[in-house]
Amino acid sequence: MKDLISDRKLINTIMWVLLSGLAFFGTVPLFIVTYWACALFMILRTRQSQLPRKISWAVISAYIVLGTLQTIYVGNAVAGPHLNLLT
């Protein structure tokens, strides 16, 4: 039980460090890396929980879909207008 609490504290600390770095030094590739790192940490959290196997896989697949959608959004909405395809 103590290991689970320390693991969750470590995961929370890493997430806050990543989000703080993103707020100060954010670029489009860094946004995408941060989205996938958060998704990975949430997947690790889900794997540590005591959820039934079917629910766990559904939640993990939802995190993967959300990470993919966020990547597509950032690529099109944030970086898209700045790309000049004619030069």
Protein backbone atom coordinates (compact mmCIF):
# COMPACT_ATOMS: atom_id res chain seq x y z
CA MET A 1 0.00 0.00 0.00
CA LYS A 2 2.82 2.37 0.80
CA ASP A 3 4.40 1.73 -2.61
CA LEU A 4 1.19 2.66 -4.41
CA ILE A 5 0.98 5.96 -2.55
CA SER A 6 4.61 6.82 -3.26
CA ASP A 7 4.20 5.83 -6.92
CA ARG A 8 1.17 8.09 -7.29
CA LYS A 9 3.02 10.98 -5.60
CA LEU A 10 5.91 10.47 -8.02
CA ILE A 11 3.57 10.40 -11.03
CA ASN A 12 1.80 13.57 -9.84
CA THR A 13 5.12 15.35 -9.32
CA ILE A 14 6.35 14.42 -12.79
CA MET A 15 3.09 15.60 -14.34
CA TRP A 16 3.32 18.98 -12.59
CA VAL A 17 6.94 19.43 -13.69
CA LEU A 18 5.98 18.67 -17.28
CA LEU A 19 3.02 21.04 -17.21
CA SER A 20 5.10 23.83 -15.65
CA GLY A 21 7.79 23.40 -18.28
CA LEU A 22 5.14 23.53 -20.97
CA ALA A 23 3.70 26.75 -19.59
CA PHE A 24 7.09 28.49 -19.65
CA PHE A 25 8.77 26.97 -22.72
CA GLY A 26 5.84 25.73 -24.81
CA THR A 27 6.23 24.97 -28.50
CA VAL A 28 4.06 22.78 -30.71
CA PRO A 29 6.31 19.68 -30.51
CA LEU A 30 6.53 20.14 -26.76
CA PHE A 31 2.73 20.30 -26.53
CA ILE A 32 2.46 17.01 -28.39
CA VAL A 33 5.11 15.31 -26.24
CA THR A 34 3.37 16.55 -23.10
CA TYR A 35 -0.02 15.28 -24.26
CA TRP A 36 1.42 11.83 -24.84
CA ALA A 37 3.38 11.88 -21.57
CA CYS A 38 0.20 12.74 -19.65
CA ALA A 39 -1.66 10.00 -21.49
CA LEU A 40 1.11 7.55 -20.62
CA PHE A 41 1.01 8.52 -16.95
CA MET A 42 -2.78 8.18 -16.89
CA ILE A 43 -2.45 4.74 -18.50
CA LEU A 44 0.06 3.78 -15.79
CA ARG A 45 -2.37 5.02 -13.15
CA THR A 46 -5.15 2.97 -14.66
CA ARG A 47 -2.95 -0.14 -14.72
CA GLN A 48 -2.20 0.34 -11.00
CA SER A 49 -5.85 0.66 -10.03
CA GLN A 50 -8.11 -2.18 -9.00
CA LEU A 51 -10.56 -1.77 -11.87
CA PRO A 52 -11.98 -4.80 -13.68
CA ARG A 53 -10.00 -5.80 -16.76
CA LYS A 54 -12.66 -4.76 -19.32
CA ILE A 55 -13.09 -1.32 -17.78
CA SER A 56 -9.33 -0.86 -17.55
CA TRP A 57 -8.85 -1.59 -21.25
CA ALA A 58 -11.73 0.71 -22.17
CA VAL A 59 -10.21 3.57 -20.18
CA ILE A 60 -6.75 2.94 -21.65
CA SER A 61 -8.13 2.94 -25.18
CA ALA A 62 -9.99 6.19 -24.42
CA TYR A 63 -6.71 7.81 -23.32
CA ILE A 64 -5.06 6.70 -26.57
CA VAL A 65 -7.93 8.09 -28.65
CA LEU A 66 -7.86 11.39 -26.74
CA GLY A 67 -4.10 11.70 -27.19
CA THR A 68 -4.50 11.11 -30.91
CA LEU A 69 -7.28 13.70 -31.19
CA GLN A 70 -5.23 16.26 -29.24
CA THR A 71 -2.25 15.67 -31.52
CA ILE A 72 -4.41 16.18 -34.61
CA TYR A 73 -5.94 19.34 -33.13
CA VAL A 74 -2.60 20.91 -32.21
CA GLY A 75 -1.15 20.00 -35.57
CA ASN A 76 -4.02 21.61 -37.46
CA ALA A 77 -5.26 24.44 -35.26
CA VAL A 78 -2.01 25.71 -33.73
CA ALA A 79 0.73 24.85 -36.22
CA GLY A 80 -1.41 24.72 -39.36
CA PRO A 81 -1.92 28.46 -40.01
CA HIS A 82 1.79 29.13 -39.55
CA LEU A 83 2.86 26.67 -42.22
CA ASN A 84 3.43 28.18 -45.62
CA LEU A 85 2.94 25.38 -48.11
CA LEU A 86 3.82 27.52 -51.15
CA THR A 87 7.49 28.09 -50.30
